Amino acid sequence: MKKRYQSRIELLQGTLDLLILQSLIWGPQHGYAISRNIRSQSGQILHVDTGSLYPALHRLEKQKWIASDWKISENNQRAKYYRLTSAGRKQLATERSRWDQICAAVAGVLAASKRRTAS
């Protein structure tokens, strides 16, 4: 059990919102499909538990970044489908820019540590 948690990657706060918004750029999806999409697009590295996914979906819907409708899924069951709103598209652009800044900042710290170790 301990080994399972050692290989687990914790997401930075707010990263899940970015991943959900990005997943919805390709069109409406139900929660399980969003989770499956994040997992497959990350090379099976990122697994979003339902206990994290659905509160995030509700939060994004409350912020009007996504909207939802009940539809019949591909396996003939009623499911809530989420879609990106125009405000959500703007937020996605903001979140992607912020993510790029975080990546650059972390890369800078790692590069500085590498240079310091080499000298």
PDB file of N, CA and C in Angstrom:
ATOM      1  N   MET A   1       0.825  -1.199   0.000  1.00  0.00           N
ATOM      2  CA  MET A   1       0.000   0.000   0.000  1.00  0.00           C
ATOM      3  C   MET A   1       0.868   1.261   0.000  1.00  0.00           C
ATOM      4  N   LYS A   2       1.935   1.255   0.810  1.00  0.00           N
ATOM      5  CA  LYS A   2       2.808   2.421   0.885  1.00  0.00           C
ATOM      6  C   LYS A   2       3.464   2.699  -0.464  1.00  0.00           C
ATOM      7  N   LYS A   3       3.864   1.634  -1.182  1.00  0.00           N
ATOM      8  CA  LYS A   3       4.511   1.789  -2.487  1.00  0.00           C
ATOM      9  C   LYS A   3       3.596   2.500  -3.472  1.00  0.00           C
ATOM     10  N   ARG A   4       2.301   2.203  -3.412  1.00  0.00           N
ATOM     11  CA  ARG A   4       1.326   2.839  -4.300  1.00  0.00           C
ATOM     12  C   ARG A   4       1.357   4.353  -4.135  1.00  0.00           C
ATOM     13  N   TYR A   5       1.435   4.823  -2.913  1.00  0.00           N
ATOM     14  CA  TYR A   5       1.430   6.256  -2.667  1.00  0.00           C
ATOM     15  C   TYR A   5       2.777   6.907  -2.974  1.00  0.00           C
ATOM     16  N   GLN A   6       3.851   6.148  -2.948  1.00  0.00           N
ATOM     17  CA  GLN A   6       5.163   6.703  -3.273  1.00  0.00           C
ATOM     18  C   GLN A   6       5.250   7.084  -4.742  1.00  0.00           C
ATOM     19  N   SER A   7       4.542   6.360  -5.608  1.00  0.00           N
ATOM     20  CA  SER A   7       4.611   6.659  -7.033  1.00  0.00           C
ATOM     21  C   SER A   7       3.528   7.644  -7.465  1.00  0.00           C
ATOM     22  N   ARG A   8       2.713   8.064  -6.543  1.00  0.00           N
ATOM     23  CA  ARG A   8       1.625   8.988  -6.846  1.00  0.00           C
ATOM     24  C   ARG A   8       2.159  10.396  -7.066  1.00  0.00           C
ATOM     25  N   ILE A   9       1.663  11.047  -8.096  1.00  0.00           N
ATOM     26  CA  ILE A   9       2.080  12.415  -8.394  1.00  0.00           C
ATOM     27  C   ILE A   9       0.994  13.366  -7.908  1.00  0.00           C
ATOM     28  N   GLU A  10       1.361  14.275  -7.038  1.00  0.00           N
ATOM     29  CA  GLU A  10       0.405  15.257  -6.537  1.00  0.00           C
ATOM     30  C   GLU A  10       0.377  16.448  -7.483  1.00  0.00           C
ATOM     31  N   LEU A  11      -0.814  16.898  -7.815  1.00  0.00           N
ATOM     32  CA  LEU A  11      -0.955  18.043  -8.710  1.00  0.00           C
ATOM     33  C   LEU A  11      -0.899  19.335  -7.915  1.00  0.00           C
ATOM     34  N   LEU A  12      -0.297  20.339  -8.501  1.00  0.00           N
ATOM     35  CA  LEU A  12      -0.321  21.655  -7.886  1.00  0.00           C
ATOM     36  C   LEU A  12      -1.759  22.140  -7.811  1.00  0.00           C
ATOM     37  N   GLN A  13      -2.076  22.892  -6.789  1.00  0.00           N
ATOM     38  CA  GLN A  13      -3.422  23.426  -6.658  1.00  0.00           C
ATOM     39  C   GLN A  13      -3.757  24.242  -7.903  1.00  0.00           C
ATOM     40  N   GLY A  14      -4.921  24.000  -8.456  1.00  0.00           N
ATOM     41  CA  GLY A  14      -5.350  24.713  -9.651  1.00  0.00           C
ATOM     42  C   GLY A  14      -5.026  23.974 -10.945  1.00  0.00           C
ATOM     43  N   THR A  15      -4.119  22.999 -10.873  1.00  0.00           N
ATOM     44  CA  THR A  15      -3.746  22.266 -12.075  1.00  0.00           C
ATOM     45  C   THR A  15      -4.904  21.423 -12.593  1.00  0.00           C
ATOM     46  N   LEU A  16      -5.692  20.856 -11.700  1.00  0.00           N
ATOM     47  CA  LEU A  16      -6.830  20.043 -12.119  1.00  0.00           C
ATOM     48  C   LEU A  16      -7.808  20.880 -12.934  1.00  0.00           C
ATOM     49  N   ASP A  17      -8.031  22.115 -12.526  1.00  0.00           N
ATOM     50  CA  ASP A  17      -8.916  23.004 -13.287  1.00  0.00           C
ATOM     51  C   ASP A  17      -8.403  23.162 -14.716  1.00  0.00           C
ATOM     52  N   LEU A  18      -7.106  23.391 -14.853  1.00  0.00           N
ATOM     53  CA  LEU A  18      -6.490  23.533 -16.167  1.00  0.00           C
ATOM     54  C   LEU A  18      -6.699  22.267 -16.998  1.00  0.00           C
ATOM     55  N   LEU A  19      -6.480  21.110 -16.398  1.00  0.00           N
ATOM     56  CA  LEU A  19      -6.621  19.841 -17.118  1.00  0.00           C
ATOM     57  C   LEU A  19      -8.059  19.604 -17.563  1.00  0.00           C
ATOM     58  N   ILE A  20      -9.005  19.945 -16.705  1.00  0.00           N
ATOM     59  CA  ILE A  20     -10.422  19.776 -17.062  1.00  0.00           C
ATOM     60  C   ILE A  20     -10.790  20.718 -18.199  1.00  0.00           C
ATOM     61  N   LEU A  21     -10.432  21.982 -18.065  1.00  0.00           N
ATOM     62  CA  LEU A  21     -10.752  22.957 -19.113  1.00  0.00           C
ATOM     63  C   LEU A  21     -10.126  22.537 -20.437  1.00  0.00           C
ATOM     64  N   GLN A  22      -8.885  22.078 -20.395  1.00  0.00           N
ATOM     65  CA  GLN A  22      -8.210  21.641 -21.614  1.00  0.00           C
ATOM     66  C   GLN A  22      -8.913  20.428 -22.224  1.00  0.00           C
ATOM     67  N   SER A  23      -9.369  19.509 -21.388  1.00  0.00           N
ATOM     68  CA  SER A  23     -10.077  18.321 -21.887  1.00  0.00           C
ATOM     69  C   SER A  23     -11.360  18.693 -22.607  1.00  0.00           C
ATOM     70  N   LEU A  24     -12.004  19.739 -22.145  1.00  0.00           N
ATOM     71  CA  LEU A  24     -13.287  20.136 -22.733  1.00  0.00           C
ATOM     72  C   LEU A  24     -13.133  20.968 -24.001  1.00  0.00           C
ATOM     73  N   ILE A  25     -11.906  21.318 -24.362  1.00  0.00           N
ATOM     74  CA  ILE A  25     -11.679  22.103 -25.576  1.00  0.00           C
ATOM     75  C   ILE A  25     -12.125  21.317 -26.808  1.00  0.00           C
ATOM     76  N   TRP A  26     -12.123  19.982 -26.722  1.00  0.00           N
ATOM     77  CA  TRP A  26     -12.493  19.127 -27.846  1.00  0.00           C
ATOM     78  C   TRP A  26     -13.976  18.809 -27.896  1.00  0.00           C
ATOM     79  N   GLY A  27     -14.754  19.384 -26.976  1.00  0.00           N
ATOM     80  CA  GLY A  27     -16.197  19.172 -26.999  1.00  0.00           C
ATOM     81  C   GLY A  27     -16.723  18.628 -25.692  1.00  0.00           C
ATOM     82  N   PRO A  28     -18.062  18.583 -25.566  1.00  0.00           N
ATOM     83  CA  PRO A  28     -18.697  18.139 -24.330  1.00  0.00           C
ATOM     84  C   PRO A  28     -18.327  16.696 -23.962  1.00  0.00           C
ATOM     85  N   GLN A  29     -18.148  16.469 -22.671  1.00  0.00           N
ATOM     86  CA  GLN A  29     -17.828  15.135 -22.156  1.00  0.00           C
ATOM     87  C   GLN A  29     -18.468  14.941 -20.794  1.00  0.00           C
ATOM     88  N   HIS A  30     -18.760  13.693 -20.467  1.00  0.00           N
ATOM     89  CA  HIS A  30     -19.225  13.393 -19.111  1.00  0.00           C
ATOM     90  C   HIS A  30     -17.996  13.200 -18.220  1.00  0.00           C
ATOM     91  N   GLY A  31     -18.213  13.173 -16.920  1.00  0.00           N
ATOM     92  CA  GLY A  31     -17.108  13.130 -15.965  1.00  0.00           C
ATOM     93  C   GLY A  31     -16.135  11.994 -16.183  1.00  0.00           C
ATOM     94  N   TYR A  32     -16.657  10.777 -16.399  1.00  0.00           N
ATOM     95  CA  TYR A  32     -15.767   9.639 -16.586  1.00  0.00           C
ATOM     96  C   TYR A  32     -14.896   9.830 -17.828  1.00  0.00           C
ATOM     97  N   ALA A  33     -15.466  10.377 -18.897  1.00  0.00           N
ATOM     98  CA  ALA A  33     -14.707  10.613 -20.123  1.00  0.00           C
ATOM     99  C   ALA A  33     -13.612  11.661 -19.892  1.00  0.00           C
ATOM    100  N   ILE A  34     -13.902  12.674 -19.095  1.00  0.00           N
ATOM    101  CA  ILE A  34     -12.892  13.690 -18.768  1.00  0.00           C
ATOM    102  C   ILE A  34     -11.726  13.026 -18.034  1.00  0.00           C
ATOM    103  N   SER A  35     -12.050  12.223 -17.038  1.00  0.00           N
ATOM    104  CA  SER A  35     -11.031  11.513 -16.266  1.00  0.00           C
ATOM    105  C   SER A  35     -10.209  10.591 -17.165  1.00  0.00           C
ATOM    106  N   ARG A  36     -10.874   9.841 -18.012  1.00  0.00           N
ATOM    107  CA  ARG A  36     -10.217   8.917 -18.939  1.00  0.00           C
ATOM    108  C   ARG A  36      -9.315   9.686 -19.923  1.00  0.00           C
ATOM    109  N   ASN A  37      -9.789  10.842 -20.391  1.00  0.00           N
ATOM    110  CA  ASN A  37      -9.019  11.667 -21.318  1.00  0.00           C
ATOM    111  C   ASN A  37      -7.741  12.195 -20.659  1.00  0.00           C
ATOM    112  N   ILE A  38      -7.856  12.671 -19.438  1.00  0.00           N
ATOM    113  CA  ILE A  38      -6.684  13.170 -18.715  1.00  0.00           C
ATOM    114  C   ILE A  38      -5.669  12.039 -18.538  1.00  0.00           C
ATOM    115  N   ARG A  39      -6.165  10.870 -18.172  1.00  0.00           N
ATOM    116  CA  ARG A  39      -5.275   9.719 -17.979  1.00  0.00           C
ATOM    117  C   ARG A  39      -4.577   9.344 -19.287  1.00  0.00           C
ATOM    118  N   SER A  40      -5.321   9.236 -20.361  1.00  0.00           N
ATOM    119  CA  SER A  40      -4.713   8.798 -21.625  1.00  0.00           C
ATOM    120  C   SER A  40      -3.779   9.862 -22.198  1.00  0.00           C
ATOM    121  N   GLN A  41      -4.168  11.136 -22.120  1.00  0.00           N
ATOM    122  CA  GLN A  41      -3.325  12.201 -22.668  1.00  0.00           C
ATOM    123  C   GLN A  41      -2.047  12.408 -21.854  1.00  0.00           C
ATOM    124  N   SER A  42      -2.039  11.932 -20.609  1.00  0.00           N
ATOM    125  CA  SER A  42      -0.840  12.073 -19.770  1.00  0.00           C
ATOM    126  C   SER A  42       0.021  10.809 -19.810  1.00  0.00           C
ATOM    127  N   GLY A  43      -0.274   9.907 -20.728  1.00  0.00           N
ATOM    128  CA  GLY A  43       0.502   8.676 -20.805  1.00  0.00           C
ATOM    129  C   GLY A  43       0.272   7.776 -19.611  1.00  0.00           C
ATOM    130  N   GLN A  44      -0.939   7.784 -19.082  1.00  0.00           N
ATOM    131  CA  GLN A  44      -1.341   6.959 -17.929  1.00  0.00           C
ATOM    132  C   GLN A  44      -0.668   7.389 -16.619  1.00  0.00           C
ATOM    133  N   ILE A  45      -0.137   8.603 -16.568  1.00  0.00           N
ATOM    134  CA  ILE A  45       0.545   9.101 -15.367  1.00  0.00           C
ATOM    135  C   ILE A  45      -0.443   9.758 -14.403  1.00  0.00           C
ATOM    136  N   LEU A  46      -1.335  10.593 -14.935  1.00  0.00           N
ATOM    137  CA  LEU A  46      -2.270  11.336 -14.088  1.00  0.00           C
ATOM    138  C   LEU A  46      -3.603  10.606 -13.989  1.00  0.00           C
ATOM    139  N   HIS A  47      -3.972  10.258 -12.770  1.00  0.00           N
ATOM    140  CA  HIS A  47      -5.241   9.601 -12.500  1.00  0.00           C
ATOM    141  C   HIS A  47      -6.054  10.527 -11.602  1.00  0.00           C
ATOM    142  N   VAL A  48      -7.197  10.952 -12.071  1.00  0.00           N
ATOM    143  CA  VAL A  48      -8.043  11.861 -11.297  1.00  0.00           C
ATOM    144  C   VAL A  48      -9.146  11.056 -10.638  1.00  0.00           C
ATOM    145  N   ASP A  49      -9.135  11.004  -9.328  1.00  0.00           N
ATOM    146  CA  ASP A  49     -10.168  10.295  -8.576  1.00  0.00           C
ATOM    147  C   ASP A  49     -11.487  11.053  -8.657  1.00  0.00           C
ATOM    148  N   THR A  50     -12.588  10.318  -8.573  1.00  0.00           N
ATOM    149  CA  THR A  50     -13.903  10.960  -8.610  1.00  0.00           C
ATOM    150  C   THR A  50     -14.073  11.924  -7.444  1.00  0.00           C
ATOM    151  N   GLY A  51     -13.425  11.632  -6.321  1.00  0.00           N
ATOM    152  CA  GLY A  51     -13.502  12.508  -5.158  1.00  0.00           C
ATOM    153  C   GLY A  51     -12.854  13.862  -5.386  1.00  0.00           C
ATOM    154  N   SER A  52     -11.997  13.959  -6.388  1.00  0.00           N
ATOM    155  CA  SER A  52     -11.386  15.234  -6.771  1.00  0.00           C
ATOM    156  C   SER A  52     -12.067  15.826  -7.996  1.00  0.00           C
ATOM    157  N   LEU A  53     -12.444  14.958  -8.940  1.00  0.00           N
ATOM    158  CA  LEU A  53     -12.997  15.420 -10.212  1.00  0.00           C
ATOM    159  C   LEU A  53     -14.340  16.132 -10.046  1.00  0.00           C
ATOM    160  N   TYR A  54     -15.293  15.490  -9.380  1.00  0.00           N
ATOM    161  CA  TYR A  54     -16.638  16.073  -9.337  1.00  0.00           C
ATOM    162  C   TYR A  54     -16.730  17.365  -8.531  1.00  0.00           C
ATOM    163  N   PRO A  55     -16.029  17.487  -7.407  1.00  0.00           N
ATOM    164  CA  PRO A  55     -16.015  18.806  -6.752  1.00  0.00           C
ATOM    165  C   PRO A  55     -15.407  19.887  -7.654  1.00  0.00           C
ATOM    166  N   ALA A  56     -14.378  19.524  -8.424  1.00  0.00           N
ATOM    167  CA  ALA A  56     -13.764  20.495  -9.338  1.00  0.00           C
ATOM    168  C   ALA A  56     -14.752  20.873 -10.438  1.00  0.00           C
ATOM    169  N   LEU A  57     -15.467  19.898 -10.990  1.00  0.00           N
ATOM    170  CA  LEU A  57     -16.468  20.187 -12.021  1.00  0.00           C
ATOM    171  C   LEU A  57     -17.549  21.119 -11.475  1.00  0.00           C
ATOM    172  N   HIS A  58     -18.011  20.856 -10.257  1.00  0.00           N
ATOM    173  CA  HIS A  58     -19.043  21.719  -9.650  1.00  0.00           C
ATOM    174  C   HIS A  58     -18.510  23.135  -9.419  1.00  0.00           C
ATOM    175  N   ARG A  59     -17.250  23.223  -8.983  1.00  0.00           N
ATOM    176  CA  ARG A  59     -16.633  24.540  -8.751  1.00  0.00           C
ATOM    177  C   ARG A  59     -16.509  25.316 -10.073  1.00  0.00           C
ATOM    178  N   LEU A  60     -16.066  24.631 -11.128  1.00  0.00           N
ATOM    179  CA  LEU A  60     -15.917  25.288 -12.427  1.00  0.00           C
ATOM    180  C   LEU A  60     -17.271  25.707 -12.989  1.00  0.00           C
ATOM    181  N   GLU A  61     -18.283  24.906 -12.729  1.00  0.00           N
ATOM    182  CA  GLU A  61     -19.631  25.251 -13.190  1.00  0.00           C
ATOM    183  C   GLU A  61     -20.161  26.469 -12.426  1.00  0.00           C
ATOM    184  N   LYS A  62     -19.891  26.510 -11.147  1.00  0.00           N
ATOM    185  CA  LYS A  62     -20.312  27.648 -10.322  1.00  0.00           C
ATOM    186  C   LYS A  62     -19.631  28.938 -10.787  1.00  0.00           C
ATOM    187  N   GLN A  63     -18.383  28.814 -11.255  1.00  0.00           N
ATOM    188  CA  GLN A  63     -17.648  29.982 -11.756  1.00  0.00           C
ATOM    189  C   GLN A  63     -18.036  30.328 -13.199  1.00  0.00           C
ATOM    190  N   LYS A  64     -18.921  29.523 -13.771  1.00  0.00           N
ATOM    191  CA  LYS A  64     -19.436  29.726 -15.139  1.00  0.00           C
ATOM    192  C   LYS A  64     -18.368  29.511 -16.216  1.00  0.00           C
ATOM    193  N   TRP A  65     -17.344  28.720 -15.879  1.00  0.00           N
ATOM    194  CA  TRP A  65     -16.320  28.375 -16.855  1.00  0.00           C
ATOM    195  C   TRP A  65     -16.735  27.147 -17.658  1.00  0.00           C
ATOM    196  N   ILE A  66     -17.639  26.360 -17.085  1.00  0.00           N
ATOM    197  CA  ILE A  66     -18.224  25.234 -17.800  1.00  0.00           C
ATOM    198  C   ILE A  66     -19.722  25.244 -17.541  1.00  0.00           C
ATOM    199  N   ALA A  67     -20.462  24.568 -18.402  1.00  0.00           N
ATOM    200  CA  ALA A  67     -21.911  24.403 -18.236  1.00  0.00           C
ATOM    201  C   ALA A  67     -22.209  22.923 -18.458  1.00  0.00           C
ATOM    202  N   SER A  68     -23.387  22.489 -18.052  1.00  0.00           N
ATOM    203  CA  SER A  68     -23.696  21.070 -18.193  1.00  0.00           C
ATOM    204  C   SER A  68     -25.133  20.847 -18.647  1.00  0.00           C
ATOM    205  N   ASP A  69     -25.329  19.674 -19.244  1.00  0.00           N
ATOM    206  CA  ASP A  69     -26.645  19.209 -19.673  1.00  0.00           C
ATOM    207  C   ASP A  69     -26.704  17.706 -19.440  1.00  0.00           C
ATOM    208  N   TRP A  70     -27.887  17.221 -19.110  1.00  0.00           N
ATOM    209  CA  TRP A  70     -28.083  15.779 -18.987  1.00  0.00           C
ATOM    210  C   TRP A  70     -28.370  15.210 -20.366  1.00  0.00           C
ATOM    211  N   LYS A  71     -27.652  14.127 -20.711  1.00  0.00           N
ATOM    212  CA  LYS A  71     -27.822  13.452 -21.997  1.00  0.00           C
ATOM    213  C   LYS A  71     -27.702  11.945 -21.781  1.00  0.00           C
ATOM    214  N   ILE A  72     -27.966  11.200 -22.833  1.00  0.00           N
ATOM    215  CA  ILE A  72     -27.776   9.749 -22.798  1.00  0.00           C
ATOM    216  C   ILE A  72     -26.367   9.442 -23.306  1.00  0.00           C
ATOM    217  N   SER A  73     -25.606   8.685 -22.519  1.00  0.00           N
ATOM    218  CA  SER A  73     -24.219   8.373 -22.861  1.00  0.00           C
ATOM    219  C   SER A  73     -24.144   7.268 -23.910  1.00  0.00           C
ATOM    220  N   GLU A  74     -22.911   6.985 -24.347  1.00  0.00           N
ATOM    221  CA  GLU A  74     -22.691   5.956 -25.357  1.00  0.00           C
ATOM    222  C   GLU A  74     -23.106   4.558 -24.897  1.00  0.00           C
ATOM    223  N   ASN A  75     -23.158   4.330 -23.576  1.00  0.00           N
ATOM    224  CA  ASN A  75     -23.625   3.038 -23.071  1.00  0.00           C
ATOM    225  C   ASN A  75     -25.091   3.103 -22.619  1.00  0.00           C
ATOM    226  N   ASN A  76     -25.809   4.078 -23.180  1.00  0.00           N
ATOM    227  CA  ASN A  76     -27.260   4.209 -23.006  1.00  0.00           C
ATOM    228  C   ASN A  76     -27.692   4.521 -21.567  1.00  0.00           C
ATOM    229  N   GLN A  77     -26.858   5.272 -20.850  1.00  0.00           N
ATOM    230  CA  GLN A  77     -27.209   5.698 -19.502  1.00  0.00           C
ATOM    231  C   GLN A  77     -27.244   7.219 -19.448  1.00  0.00           C
ATOM    232  N   ARG A  78     -28.072   7.723 -18.556  1.00  0.00           N
ATOM    233  CA  ARG A  78     -28.179   9.169 -18.373  1.00  0.00           C
ATOM    234  C   ARG A  78     -26.916   9.685 -17.690  1.00  0.00           C
ATOM    235  N   ALA A  79     -26.296  10.713 -18.270  1.00  0.00           N
ATOM    236  CA  ALA A  79     -25.052  11.267 -17.730  1.00  0.00           C
ATOM    237  C   ALA A  79     -25.044  12.780 -17.916  1.00  0.00           C
ATOM    238  N   LYS A  80     -24.346  13.438 -17.021  1.00  0.00           N
ATOM    239  CA  LYS A  80     -24.202  14.888 -17.116  1.00  0.00           C
ATOM    240  C   LYS A  80     -22.987  15.192 -17.989  1.00  0.00           C
ATOM    241  N   TYR A  81     -23.229  15.913 -19.071  1.00  0.00           N
ATOM    242  CA  TYR A  81     -22.159  16.295 -19.997  1.00  0.00           C
ATOM    243  C   TYR A  81     -21.768  17.743 -19.728  1.00  0.00           C
ATOM    244  N   TYR A  82     -20.465  17.956 -19.635  1.00  0.00           N
ATOM    245  CA  TYR A  82     -19.922  19.282 -19.358  1.00  0.00           C
ATOM    246  C   TYR A  82     -19.336  19.856 -20.639  1.00  0.00           C
ATOM    247  N   ARG A  83     -19.477  21.159 -20.799  1.00  0.00           N
ATOM    248  CA  ARG A  83     -18.912  21.839 -21.972  1.00  0.00           C
ATOM    249  C   ARG A  83     -18.279  23.146 -21.521  1.00  0.00           C
ATOM    250  N   LEU A  84     -17.310  23.581 -22.288  1.00  0.00           N
ATOM    251  CA  LEU A  84     -16.598  24.826 -22.020  1.00  0.00           C
ATOM    252  C   LEU A  84     -17.462  26.008 -22.446  1.00  0.00           C
ATOM    253  N   THR A  85     -17.515  27.034 -21.621  1.00  0.00           N
ATOM    254  CA  THR A  85     -18.229  28.263 -21.976  1.00  0.00           C
ATOM    255  C   THR A  85     -17.213  29.252 -22.559  1.00  0.00           C
ATOM    256  N   SER A  86     -17.697  30.375 -23.067  1.00  0.00           N
ATOM    257  CA  SER A  86     -16.753  31.376 -23.589  1.00  0.00           C
ATOM    258  C   SER A  86     -15.885  31.920 -22.451  1.00  0.00           C
ATOM    259  N   ALA A  87     -16.460  32.076 -21.264  1.00  0.00           N
ATOM    260  CA  ALA A  87     -15.654  32.509 -20.111  1.00  0.00           C
ATOM    261  C   ALA A  87     -14.616  31.438 -19.773  1.00  0.00           C
ATOM    262  N   GLY A  88     -14.977  30.178 -19.949  1.00  0.00           N
ATOM    263  CA  GLY A  88     -14.048  29.079 -19.700  1.00  0.00           C
ATOM    264  C   GLY A  88     -12.895  29.071 -20.683  1.00  0.00           C
ATOM    265  N   ARG A  89     -13.178  29.424 -21.947  1.00  0.00           N
ATOM    266  CA  ARG A  89     -12.102  29.503 -22.948  1.00  0.00           C
ATOM    267  C   ARG A  89     -11.104  30.594 -22.572  1.00  0.00           C
ATOM    268  N   LYS A  90     -11.613  31.721 -22.085  1.00  0.00           N
ATOM    269  CA  LYS A  90     -10.729  32.804 -21.649  1.00  0.00           C
ATOM    270  C   LYS A  90      -9.908  32.362 -20.439  1.00  0.00           C
ATOM    271  N   GLN A  91     -10.570  31.678 -19.506  1.00  0.00           N
ATOM    272  CA  GLN A  91      -9.872  31.193 -18.312  1.00  0.00           C
ATOM    273  C   GLN A  91      -8.815  30.159 -18.685  1.00  0.00           C
ATOM    274  N   LEU A  92      -9.115  29.316 -19.658  1.00  0.00           N
ATOM    275  CA  LEU A  92      -8.136  28.325 -20.116  1.00  0.00           C
ATOM    276  C   LEU A  92      -6.881  29.023 -20.638  1.00  0.00           C
ATOM    277  N   ALA A  93      -7.060  30.081 -21.410  1.00  0.00           N
ATOM    278  CA  ALA A  93      -5.903  30.832 -21.920  1.00  0.00           C
ATOM    279  C   ALA A  93      -5.092  31.413 -20.761  1.00  0.00           C
ATOM    280  N   THR A  94      -5.769  31.955 -19.754  1.00  0.00           N
ATOM    281  CA  THR A  94      -5.099  32.502 -18.571  1.00  0.00           C
ATOM    282  C   THR A  94      -4.347  31.412 -17.828  1.00  0.00           C
ATOM    283  N   GLU A  95      -5.011  30.262 -17.617  1.00  0.00           N
ATOM    284  CA  GLU A  95      -4.398  29.145 -16.888  1.00  0.00           C
ATOM    285  C   GLU A  95      -3.195  28.576 -17.642  1.00  0.00           C
ATOM    286  N   ARG A  96      -3.301  28.486 -18.961  1.00  0.00           N
ATOM    287  CA  ARG A  96      -2.176  27.972 -19.758  1.00  0.00           C
ATOM    288  C   ARG A  96      -0.974  28.916 -19.659  1.00  0.00           C
ATOM    289  N   SER A  97      -1.217  30.213 -19.690  1.00  0.00           N
ATOM    290  CA  SER A  97      -0.145  31.196 -19.553  1.00  0.00           C
ATOM    291  C   SER A  97       0.518  31.068 -18.181  1.00  0.00           C
ATOM    292  N   ARG A  98      -0.303  30.922 -17.150  1.00  0.00           N
ATOM    293  CA  ARG A  98       0.228  30.768 -15.795  1.00  0.00           C
ATOM    294  C   ARG A  98       1.047  29.471 -15.693  1.00  0.00           C
ATOM    295  N   TRP A  99       0.550  28.392 -16.320  1.00  0.00           N
ATOM    296  CA  TRP A  99       1.266  27.121 -16.304  1.00  0.00           C
ATOM    297  C   TRP A  99       2.628  27.259 -16.990  1.00  0.00           C
ATOM    298  N   ASP A 100       2.674  27.964 -18.108  1.00  0.00           N
ATOM    299  CA  ASP A 100       3.937  28.194 -18.811  1.00  0.00           C
ATOM    300  C   ASP A 100       4.919  28.941 -17.909  1.00  0.00           C
ATOM    301  N   GLN A 101       4.421  29.915 -17.143  1.00  0.00           N
ATOM    302  CA  GLN A 101       5.284  30.663 -16.226  1.00  0.00           C
ATOM    303  C   GLN A 101       5.814  29.757 -15.120  1.00  0.00           C
ATOM    304  N   ILE A 102       4.955  28.881 -14.588  1.00  0.00           N
ATOM    305  CA  ILE A 102       5.373  27.956 -13.527  1.00  0.00           C
ATOM    306  C   ILE A 102       6.442  27.007 -14.057  1.00  0.00           C
ATOM    307  N   CYS A 103       6.217  26.461 -15.251  1.00  0.00           N
ATOM    308  CA  CYS A 103       7.190  25.538 -15.853  1.00  0.00           C
ATOM    309  C   CYS A 103       8.541  26.220 -16.052  1.00  0.00           C
ATOM    310  N   ALA A 104       8.519  27.444 -16.553  1.00  0.00           N
ATOM    311  CA  ALA A 104       9.760  28.190 -16.773  1.00  0.00           C
ATOM    312  C   ALA A 104      10.458  28.475 -15.450  1.00  0.00           C
ATOM    313  N   ALA A 105       9.696  28.811 -14.433  1.00  0.00           N
ATOM    314  CA  ALA A 105      10.285  29.109 -13.125  1.00  0.00           C
ATOM    315  C   ALA A 105      10.920  27.862 -12.512  1.00  0.00           C
ATOM    316  N   VAL A 106      10.228  26.739 -12.569  1.00  0.00           N
ATOM    317  CA  VAL A 106      10.769  25.489 -12.025  1.00  0.00           C
ATOM    318  C   VAL A 106      12.015  25.079 -12.814  1.00  0.00           C
ATOM    319  N   ALA A 107      11.952  25.190 -14.133  1.00  0.00           N
ATOM    320  CA  ALA A 107      13.110  24.857 -14.971  1.00  0.00           C
ATOM    321  C   ALA A 107      14.302  25.736 -14.601  1.00  0.00           C
ATOM    322  N   GLY A 108      14.042  27.022 -14.315  1.00  0.00           N
ATOM    323  CA  GLY A 108      15.120  27.922 -13.911  1.00  0.00           C
ATOM    324  C   GLY A 108      15.763  27.496 -12.611  1.00  0.00           C
ATOM    325  N   VAL A 109      14.950  27.107 -11.646  1.00  0.00           N
ATOM    326  CA  VAL A 109      15.479  26.651 -10.354  1.00  0.00           C
ATOM    327  C   VAL A 109      16.287  25.368 -10.544  1.00  0.00           C
ATOM    328  N   LEU A 110      15.757  24.433 -11.313  1.00  0.00           N
ATOM    329  CA  LEU A 110      16.466  23.176 -11.538  1.00  0.00           C
ATOM    330  C   LEU A 110      17.776  23.395 -12.283  1.00  0.00           C
ATOM    331  N   ALA A 111      17.763  24.280 -13.269  1.00  0.00           N
ATOM    332  CA  ALA A 111      18.981  24.574 -14.021  1.00  0.00           C
ATOM    333  C   ALA A 111      20.022  25.225 -13.114  1.00  0.00           C
ATOM    334  N   ALA A 112      19.585  26.130 -12.246  1.00  0.00           N
ATOM    335  CA  ALA A 112      20.512  26.797 -11.335  1.00  0.00           C
ATOM    336  C   ALA A 112      21.118  25.778 -10.366  1.00  0.00           C
ATOM    337  N   SER A 113      20.302  24.837  -9.888  1.00  0.00           N
ATOM    338  CA  SER A 113      20.805  23.801  -8.980  1.00  0.00           C
ATOM    339  C   SER A 113      21.797  22.912  -9.690  1.00  0.00           C
ATOM    340  N   LYS A 114      21.545  22.603 -10.937  1.00  0.00           N
ATOM    341  CA  LYS A 114      22.434  21.758 -11.732  1.00  0.00           C
ATOM    342  C   LYS A 114      23.775  22.460 -11.956  1.00  0.00           C
ATOM    343  N   ARG A 115      23.713  23.775 -12.280  1.00  0.00           N
ATOM    344  CA  ARG A 115      24.945  24.543 -12.483  1.00  0.00           C
ATOM    345  C   ARG A 115      25.770  24.617 -11.195  1.00  0.00           C
ATOM    346  N   ARG A 116      25.067  24.810 -10.083  1.00  0.00           N
ATOM    347  CA  ARG A 116      25.743  24.943  -8.791  1.00  0.00           C
ATOM    348  C   ARG A 116      26.419  23.621  -8.413  1.00  0.00           C
ATOM    349  N   THR A 117      25.738  22.500  -8.687  1.00  0.00           N
ATOM    350  CA  THR A 117      26.300  21.185  -8.377  1.00  0.00           C
ATOM    351  C   THR A 117      27.503  20.878  -9.251  1.00  0.00           C
ATOM    352  N   ALA A 118      27.481  21.327 -10.500  1.00  0.00           N
ATOM    353  CA  ALA A 118      28.566  21.058 -11.443  1.00  0.00           C
ATOM    354  C   ALA A 118      29.823  21.867 -11.121  1.00  0.00           C
ATOM    355  N   SER A 119      29.676  23.002 -10.460  1.00  0.00           N
ATOM    356  CA  SER A 119      30.854  23.835 -10.201  1.00  0.00           C
ATOM    357  C   SER A 119      31.542  23.500  -8.903  1.00  0.00           C
TER     358      SER A 119
END
